[in-house]
Amino acid sequence: MPEIAEVETVRNTLKKKILGKQIKKVTILYPKIIETNLKEFQNILENNTFIDIKRKGKWLIFELKDHYLLSHLRMEGKYFLKNTTEPIIKHEHIIFTFKDGTDLRYHDTRKFGRMALIKKAELEEYDKLKKQGIEPIDDNLTKEYLYEKLKKRNLPLKTLLLDQTIISGLGNIYADEVLFASLINPQKHGSQITLEECEKIKNASKKIITEAIKEGGTTIKSYTSSLGVTGRFQQYLKVHKQEGKPCPICQEKIQKIKINGRSTYFCPKCQK
């Protein structure tokens, strides 16, 4: 699943490739991805131009003249830039054809991704963005903020770190890495958290996500930016997908467990 570092990589790559291109045609092959009236979606986008691309959490925000196109990649959403003459392949569901003879194609094997078109004035009030928590790289993410958000929650910290209303953009890979860097057991409940542990989570989140963005994200299984960029952060993973390997701190074997259905990797000795 693309997380904040991967989405930021896609954003930066797309900015270099599609800004200023005029959209000639929009082809919708799987309508359920679009959460806006389909005819309105096409009418507004056609003959329009992508001015900029922003991001909030895992949402890509494509800026147009009077609107924003919001795109969430969910589990396996990807963007491809291709020549218009290339045949459309399976799972290419939304195609933006530019006047220069190229396409931006949205590819999604599981069809979970979503797009919405909203007026610029409505962005701050858009419900799905309003619910987003503070990003790991935002200076507003403080130990006090985390403590207030976590201390009353009787759920495992791994589950809480995946809650996008608490920390926006942190997903399964980085939650494992953050908890390991903080030396906190992923099964520990939020109600047991201390202010000192919140400080560790805050610092680890910022450090790990900053480094992951620098390395272009983490290429694991289905994720790739699909635009000629491959993430390199998997080289630095300490626990995620490292089951059975020695802990880099104590040499104890890394374990894999399930927490609320999510695969979770940790060191049973360092993260007691």
Protein backbone atom coordinates (compact mmCIF):
# COMPACT_ATOMS: atom_id res chain seq x y z
CA MET A 1 0.00 0.00 0.00
CA PRO A 2 1.40 3.43 -0.90
CA GLU A 3 2.11 5.42 2.26
CA ILE A 4 3.08 9.05 2.76
CA ALA A 5 6.63 8.66 1.40
CA GLU A 6 5.43 6.80 -1.69
CA VAL A 7 2.63 9.29 -2.39
CA GLU A 8 5.11 12.16 -1.99
CA THR A 9 7.41 10.43 -4.50
CA VAL A 10 4.54 10.08 -6.98
CA ARG A 11 3.64 13.75 -6.45
CA ASN A 12 7.17 14.98 -7.08
CA THR A 13 7.56 12.79 -10.15
CA LEU A 14 4.22 13.80 -11.67
CA LYS A 15 5.02 17.48 -11.13
CA LYS A 16 8.01 17.11 -13.44
CA LYS A 17 5.99 15.28 -16.09
CA ILE A 18 2.47 16.69 -16.45
CA LEU A 19 2.27 20.30 -15.21
CA GLY A 20 1.21 22.70 -17.92
CA LYS A 21 -0.18 19.98 -20.19
CA GLN A 22 -3.67 20.64 -21.51
CA ILE A 23 -6.17 17.81 -21.14
CA LYS A 24 -7.86 16.90 -24.42
CA LYS A 25 -10.04 14.04 -23.25
CA VAL A 26 -10.93 12.08 -20.10
CA THR A 27 -11.85 8.40 -20.51
CA ILE A 28 -13.60 6.66 -17.62
CA LEU A 29 -13.51 2.87 -17.89
CA TYR A 30 -14.47 2.08 -14.29
CA PRO A 31 -16.94 4.73 -13.06
CA LYS A 32 -16.99 3.62 -9.39
CA ILE A 33 -13.56 5.20 -8.85
CA ILE A 34 -15.10 8.64 -9.49
CA GLU A 35 -17.04 10.15 -6.58
CA THR A 36 -18.26 13.11 -8.64
CA ASN A 37 -20.93 13.29 -11.34
CA LEU A 38 -19.23 11.65 -14.33
CA LYS A 39 -20.33 14.16 -16.95
CA GLU A 40 -19.32 17.08 -14.74
CA PHE A 41 -15.98 15.34 -14.06
CA GLN A 42 -15.24 15.09 -17.78
CA ASN A 43 -16.56 18.54 -18.72
CA ILE A 44 -14.49 20.37 -16.10
CA LEU A 45 -11.27 18.44 -16.77
CA GLU A 46 -11.34 18.50 -20.57
CA ASN A 47 -9.45 21.53 -21.97
CA ASN A 48 -8.21 22.25 -18.45
CA THR A 49 -4.57 22.15 -17.29
CA PHE A 50 -2.83 20.78 -14.21
CA ILE A 51 -1.23 23.83 -12.54
CA ASP A 52 0.29 22.16 -9.50
CA ILE A 53 0.11 18.97 -7.43
CA LYS A 54 -0.19 19.13 -3.65
CA ARG A 55 -0.58 16.38 -1.05
CA LYS A 56 -2.30 15.89 2.29
CA GLY A 57 -1.62 12.60 4.02
CA LYS A 58 -2.10 9.95 1.34
CA TRP A 59 -4.25 12.21 -0.86
CA LEU A 60 -2.85 13.67 -4.09
CA ILE A 61 -4.38 17.06 -4.86
CA PHE A 62 -4.15 18.10 -8.52
CA GLU A 63 -4.70 21.85 -8.90
CA LEU A 64 -6.74 23.14 -11.86
CA LYS A 65 -7.96 26.66 -12.64
CA ASP A 66 -11.04 26.68 -10.40
CA HIS A 67 -11.06 23.14 -9.01
CA TYR A 68 -8.97 20.46 -7.34
CA LEU A 69 -8.88 16.85 -8.46
CA LEU A 70 -8.39 14.67 -5.38
CA SER A 71 -6.91 11.20 -5.83
CA HIS A 72 -6.39 8.49 -3.21
CA LEU A 73 -4.37 5.46 -4.36
CA ARG A 74 -5.66 3.18 -1.59
CA MET A 75 -4.14 -0.34 -1.79
CA GLU A 76 -2.64 -0.57 -5.27
CA GLY A 77 -3.39 2.59 -7.24
CA LYS A 78 -0.62 3.73 -9.60
CA TYR A 79 -0.09 6.31 -12.33
CA PHE A 80 1.49 5.60 -15.69
CA LEU A 81 2.56 8.17 -18.29
CA LYS A 82 2.28 6.66 -21.77
CA ASN A 83 1.96 7.64 -25.40
CA THR A 84 -1.68 7.87 -26.48
CA THR A 85 -1.03 5.33 -29.24
CA GLU A 86 -0.13 2.60 -26.73
CA PRO A 87 -2.92 0.04 -26.22
CA ILE A 88 -4.97 0.32 -23.06
CA ILE A 89 -4.16 -2.60 -20.77
CA LYS A 90 -6.19 -4.34 -18.09
CA HIS A 91 -6.75 -2.32 -14.89
CA GLU A 92 -6.17 1.08 -16.55
CA HIS A 93 -9.42 2.65 -15.39
CA ILE A 94 -9.13 6.45 -15.79
CA ILE A 95 -7.21 8.00 -18.69
CA PHE A 96 -6.31 11.67 -19.04
CA THR A 97 -5.31 12.25 -22.66
CA PHE A 98 -3.17 15.35 -23.19
CA LYS A 99 -3.04 17.40 -26.39
CA ASP A 100 0.67 16.58 -26.81
CA GLY A 101 -0.12 12.92 -27.56
CA THR A 102 0.56 11.49 -24.10
CA ASP A 103 -1.73 9.94 -21.49
CA LEU A 104 -1.77 9.93 -17.71
CA ARG A 105 -3.32 6.56 -16.90
CA TYR A 106 -4.64 5.53 -13.50
CA HIS A 107 -4.04 1.81 -12.95
CA ASP A 108 -5.62 -0.03 -10.01
CA THR A 109 -5.70 -3.83 -9.79
CA ARG A 110 -8.12 -3.90 -6.87
CA LYS A 111 -10.18 -0.86 -7.91
CA PHE A 112 -10.15 0.60 -4.38
CA GLY A 113 -8.74 4.01 -5.38
CA ARG A 114 -10.99 7.06 -5.44
CA MET A 115 -11.09 10.43 -7.23
CA ALA A 116 -13.22 13.49 -6.57
CA LEU A 117 -13.47 16.91 -8.19
CA ILE A 118 -14.21 19.84 -5.87
CA LYS A 119 -14.25 23.62 -6.13
CA LYS A 120 -11.16 25.33 -4.72
CA ALA A 121 -13.16 27.18 -2.11
CA GLU A 122 -14.43 23.85 -0.75
CA LEU A 123 -11.06 22.18 -0.20
CA GLU A 124 -10.68 23.01 3.50
CA GLU A 125 -14.21 21.81 4.18
CA TYR A 126 -13.90 18.56 2.24
CA ASP A 127 -14.87 15.95 4.83
CA LYS A 128 -12.19 13.35 4.04
CA LEU A 129 -9.40 15.92 4.26
CA LYS A 130 -10.77 17.61 7.39
CA LYS A 131 -10.54 14.30 9.26
CA GLN A 132 -6.84 13.87 8.49
CA GLY A 133 -4.50 14.05 11.47
CA ILE A 134 -1.12 15.81 11.61
CA GLU A 135 1.58 14.51 9.27
CA PRO A 136 4.74 12.87 10.68
CA ILE A 137 6.93 15.59 9.16
CA ASP A 138 4.80 18.46 10.45
CA ASP A 139 6.25 20.46 13.36
CA ASN A 140 2.74 20.53 14.84
CA LEU A 141 3.13 16.86 15.66
CA THR A 142 4.16 17.19 19.30
CA LYS A 143 4.42 14.76 22.19
CA GLU A 144 1.53 16.59 23.89
CA TYR A 145 -0.68 16.19 20.81
CA LEU A 146 0.07 12.46 20.62
CA TYR A 147 -0.47 11.95 24.33
CA GLU A 148 -3.91 13.57 24.21
CA LYS A 149 -4.87 11.48 21.16
CA LEU A 150 -3.60 8.16 22.51
CA LYS A 151 -4.02 8.11 26.28
CA LYS A 152 -7.77 7.43 26.29
CA ARG A 153 -7.70 4.76 23.59
CA ASN A 154 -7.79 1.12 24.71
CA LEU A 155 -6.36 -0.19 21.44
CA PRO A 156 -2.88 -1.43 20.44
CA LEU A 157 -0.46 1.32 19.48
CA LYS A 158 0.10 -0.33 16.11
CA THR A 159 -3.61 0.10 15.36
CA LEU A 160 -3.61 3.69 16.61
CA LEU A 161 -0.62 4.69 14.49
CA LEU A 162 -2.55 3.49 11.43
CA ASP A 163 -5.50 5.75 12.34
CA GLN A 164 -5.28 8.56 9.77
CA THR A 165 -7.19 10.92 12.07
CA ILE A 166 -4.25 10.78 14.51
CA ILE A 167 -1.19 10.73 12.24
CA SER A 168 -1.90 11.35 8.58
CA GLY A 169 -0.01 9.23 6.06
CA LEU A 170 1.63 6.71 8.37
CA GLY A 171 0.91 3.16 7.18
CA ASN A 172 1.80 -0.42 8.01
CA ILE A 173 5.47 -0.35 6.96
CA TYR A 174 6.41 2.84 8.76
CA ALA A 175 4.30 2.13 11.86
CA ASP A 176 6.42 -0.99 12.43
CA GLU A 177 9.63 0.96 11.90
CA VAL A 178 8.57 3.85 14.15
CA LEU A 179 7.62 1.56 17.02
CA PHE A 180 10.91 -0.33 16.71
CA ALA A 181 12.91 2.90 16.67
CA SER A 182 10.95 3.97 19.77
CA LEU A 183 11.53 0.57 21.44
CA ILE A 184 7.81 0.24 22.14
CA ASN A 185 5.82 -2.99 21.85
CA PRO A 186 3.17 -2.69 19.10
CA GLN A 187 0.66 -4.55 21.30
CA LYS A 188 0.87 -1.96 24.08
CA HIS A 189 -2.37 -0.02 24.39
CA GLY A 190 -2.68 3.72 23.94
CA SER A 191 -4.07 3.99 27.47
CA GLN A 192 -0.68 2.79 28.76
CA ILE A 193 1.38 5.38 26.87
CA THR A 194 3.67 7.86 28.62
CA LEU A 195 4.62 11.36 27.58
CA GLU A 196 8.21 10.20 27.14
CA GLU A 197 7.10 7.44 24.76
CA CYS A 198 5.07 9.98 22.78
CA GLU A 199 8.25 12.02 22.38
CA LYS A 200 10.02 8.94 21.02
CA ILE A 201 7.21 8.22 18.55
CA LYS A 202 7.18 11.85 17.40
CA ASN A 203 10.93 11.94 16.81
CA ALA A 204 11.06 8.52 15.15
CA SER A 205 8.14 9.34 12.84
CA LYS A 206 9.74 12.54 11.60
CA LYS A 207 13.18 10.99 11.13
CA ILE A 208 11.98 7.83 9.35
CA ILE A 209 9.48 9.53 7.02
CA THR A 210 11.96 12.28 6.12
CA GLU A 211 14.54 9.64 5.19
CA ALA A 212 11.97 7.52 3.34
CA ILE A 213 10.90 10.50 1.20
CA LYS A 214 14.55 11.21 0.45
CA GLU A 215 14.97 7.61 -0.72
CA GLY A 216 11.83 7.68 -2.88
CA GLY A 217 9.71 5.51 -0.63
CA THR A 218 9.76 1.76 -0.07
CA THR A 219 9.30 -0.69 -2.95
CA ILE A 220 7.57 -3.73 -1.49
CA LYS A 221 5.35 -6.08 -3.45
CA SER A 222 2.83 -3.92 -5.34
CA TYR A 223 4.17 -0.43 -4.80
CA THR A 224 6.04 1.45 -7.45
CA SER A 225 5.59 5.03 -8.55
CA SER A 226 5.20 3.55 -12.07
CA LEU A 227 6.89 6.63 -13.48
CA GLY A 228 10.48 5.44 -13.67
CA VAL A 229 11.10 5.86 -9.95
CA THR A 230 11.82 2.96 -7.58
CA GLY A 231 11.87 3.41 -3.83
CA ARG A 232 15.12 2.60 -2.04
CA PHE A 233 14.07 2.82 1.62
CA GLN A 234 13.53 -0.97 1.83
CA GLN A 235 17.31 -1.19 2.19
CA TYR A 236 17.00 0.54 5.57
CA LEU A 237 14.07 -1.40 7.07
CA LYS A 238 14.94 -2.76 10.50
CA VAL A 239 11.91 -4.97 11.27
CA HIS A 240 9.21 -4.78 8.58
CA LYS A 241 9.32 -7.95 6.43
CA GLN A 242 12.38 -9.08 8.43
CA GLU A 243 10.72 -12.07 10.14
CA GLY A 244 13.31 -14.58 11.40
CA LYS A 245 16.25 -12.26 10.80
CA PRO A 246 18.40 -11.02 13.70
CA CYS A 247 17.43 -7.74 15.36
CA PRO A 248 20.01 -5.09 14.41
CA ILE A 249 20.27 -4.12 18.11
CA CYS A 250 20.22 -7.36 20.12
CA GLN A 251 20.33 -10.17 17.50
CA GLU A 252 17.05 -11.69 18.76
CA LYS A 253 14.94 -13.00 15.87
CA ILE A 254 12.35 -10.58 14.51
CA GLN A 255 8.82 -11.89 14.98
CA LYS A 256 5.70 -11.49 12.89
CA ILE A 257 2.25 -11.32 14.50
CA LYS A 258 -1.20 -10.08 13.51
CA ILE A 259 -2.72 -7.06 15.21
CA ASN A 260 -6.30 -6.36 14.15
CA GLY A 261 -5.64 -8.23 10.93
CA ARG A 262 -2.46 -6.33 10.03
CA SER A 263 0.90 -8.08 9.74
CA THR A 264 3.19 -6.60 12.38
CA TYR A 265 6.94 -7.06 12.76
CA PHE A 266 8.87 -6.37 15.98
CA CYS A 267 11.74 -7.48 18.21
CA PRO A 268 10.35 -9.33 21.28
CA LYS A 269 13.44 -8.41 23.32
CA CYS A 270 13.92 -4.73 22.45
CA GLN A 271 10.17 -4.04 22.32
CA LYS A 272 9.05 -5.81 25.49
